[in-house]
């Protein structure tokens, strides 16, 4: 664990271990916090929520920039392209529905 002032940064492995112990081993959050030396139990609740939403990738560095998920540039480009395609298809559908 790296420390910066009062804030501790926890590694991906520590976060996953804490989440695994709570979800798979049915350990209480408080016992995991005490055993692993995690500063705040709220951290574990946040990690569990992120894990349930995004799985193992929840703790990758790129996660969290926009709406909890940040994609690689190639995926960003693909998403933009697909959005443009959807917009084009919507316009085409409007034209067809108007009898054009």
Protein backbone atom coordinates (compact mmCIF):
# COMPACT_ATOMS: atom_id res chain seq x y z
CA UNK A 1 0.00 0.00 0.00
CA UNK A 2 1.31 3.40 -0.90
CA UNK A 3 0.51 6.26 1.41
CA UNK A 4 0.05 9.90 0.57
CA UNK A 5 -0.49 12.04 3.62
CA UNK A 6 -3.63 10.90 5.39
CA UNK A 7 -5.01 9.16 2.30
CA UNK A 8 -4.06 5.55 1.70
CA UNK A 9 -4.14 4.09 -1.77
CA UNK A 10 -4.98 0.41 -1.88
CA UNK A 11 -3.80 -1.89 -4.64
CA UNK A 12 -6.16 -3.69 -6.95
CA UNK A 13 -5.17 -6.96 -5.26
CA UNK A 14 -6.06 -5.70 -1.78
CA UNK A 15 -9.43 -4.42 -2.98
CA UNK A 16 -10.22 -7.71 -4.71
CA UNK A 17 -9.13 -9.71 -1.66
CA UNK A 18 -11.34 -7.65 0.64
CA UNK A 19 -14.32 -7.99 -1.70
CA UNK A 20 -13.73 -11.72 -2.15
CA UNK A 21 -13.56 -12.31 1.60
CA UNK A 22 -16.86 -10.50 2.16
CA UNK A 23 -18.77 -11.91 -0.81
CA UNK A 24 -17.36 -15.43 -1.11
CA UNK A 25 -16.27 -16.23 2.45
CA UNK A 26 -19.18 -14.45 4.12
CA UNK A 27 -16.82 -12.57 6.43
CA UNK A 28 -18.14 -9.37 7.96
CA UNK A 29 -16.90 -6.11 6.52
CA UNK A 30 -15.66 -5.08 9.96
CA UNK A 31 -13.56 -8.24 10.41
CA UNK A 32 -12.01 -7.80 6.95
CA UNK A 33 -11.27 -4.12 7.68
CA UNK A 34 -9.66 -4.99 11.01
CA UNK A 35 -7.68 -7.94 9.64
CA UNK A 36 -6.41 -6.19 6.52
CA UNK A 37 -5.73 -2.81 8.14
CA UNK A 38 -8.11 -0.91 5.89
CA UNK A 39 -8.64 2.57 7.25
CA UNK A 40 -12.39 2.95 6.66
CA UNK A 41 -15.05 0.28 6.33
CA UNK A 42 -16.90 2.49 3.84
CA UNK A 43 -14.05 1.78 1.41
CA UNK A 44 -15.01 -1.88 1.36
CA UNK A 45 -18.67 -1.10 0.73
CA UNK A 46 -17.68 1.12 -2.22
CA UNK A 47 -15.37 -1.60 -3.57
CA UNK A 48 -18.15 -4.18 -3.32
CA UNK A 49 -20.53 -1.89 -5.20
CA UNK A 50 -17.95 -1.28 -7.94
CA UNK A 51 -17.15 -4.99 -8.13
CA UNK A 52 -20.81 -5.95 -8.48
CA UNK A 53 -21.21 -3.42 -11.28
CA UNK A 54 -17.96 -4.03 -13.23
CA UNK A 55 -16.46 -7.31 -12.01
CA UNK A 56 -12.68 -7.74 -11.84
CA UNK A 57 -12.04 -4.71 -14.03
CA UNK A 58 -13.63 -2.43 -11.44
CA UNK A 59 -10.25 -1.61 -9.95
CA UNK A 60 -8.24 -1.00 -13.09
CA UNK A 61 -6.68 2.46 -13.28
CA UNK A 62 -8.77 3.50 -16.29
CA UNK A 63 -12.07 2.90 -14.48
CA UNK A 64 -13.80 5.88 -12.97
CA UNK A 65 -13.15 8.71 -15.41
CA UNK A 66 -16.63 8.89 -16.94
CA UNK A 67 -19.68 7.32 -15.38
CA UNK A 68 -17.45 4.79 -13.61
CA UNK A 69 -15.94 3.41 -16.80
CA UNK A 70 -13.25 4.61 -19.16
CA UNK A 71 -12.54 2.64 -22.30
CA UNK A 72 -9.40 2.30 -24.38
CA UNK A 73 -9.16 4.66 -27.37
CA UNK A 74 -10.11 1.96 -29.89
CA UNK A 75 -13.29 1.16 -27.97
CA UNK A 76 -14.06 4.88 -27.60
CA UNK A 77 -13.77 5.25 -31.37
CA UNK A 78 -16.03 2.27 -31.94
CA UNK A 79 -18.63 3.64 -29.50
CA UNK A 80 -18.61 7.01 -31.31
CA UNK A 81 -19.02 5.27 -34.65
CA UNK A 82 -21.91 3.15 -33.39
CA UNK A 83 -23.64 6.20 -31.91
CA UNK A 84 -23.38 7.98 -35.26
CA UNK A 85 -24.81 4.90 -36.96
CA UNK A 86 -27.73 4.78 -34.52
CA UNK A 87 -28.44 8.47 -35.09
CA UNK A 88 -28.39 7.94 -38.86
CA UNK A 89 -30.74 4.97 -38.60
CA UNK A 90 -33.13 6.95 -36.40
CA UNK A 91 -33.27 9.73 -38.99
CA UNK A 92 -33.86 7.19 -41.76
CA UNK A 93 -36.67 5.59 -39.75
CA UNK A 94 -38.30 9.00 -39.24
CA UNK A 95 -38.22 9.58 -43.00
CA UNK A 96 -39.80 6.18 -43.65
CA UNK A 97 -42.51 6.77 -41.07
CA UNK A 98 -43.38 10.12 -42.68
CA UNK A 99 -43.89 8.31 -45.98
CA UNK A 100 -40.74 9.58 -47.61
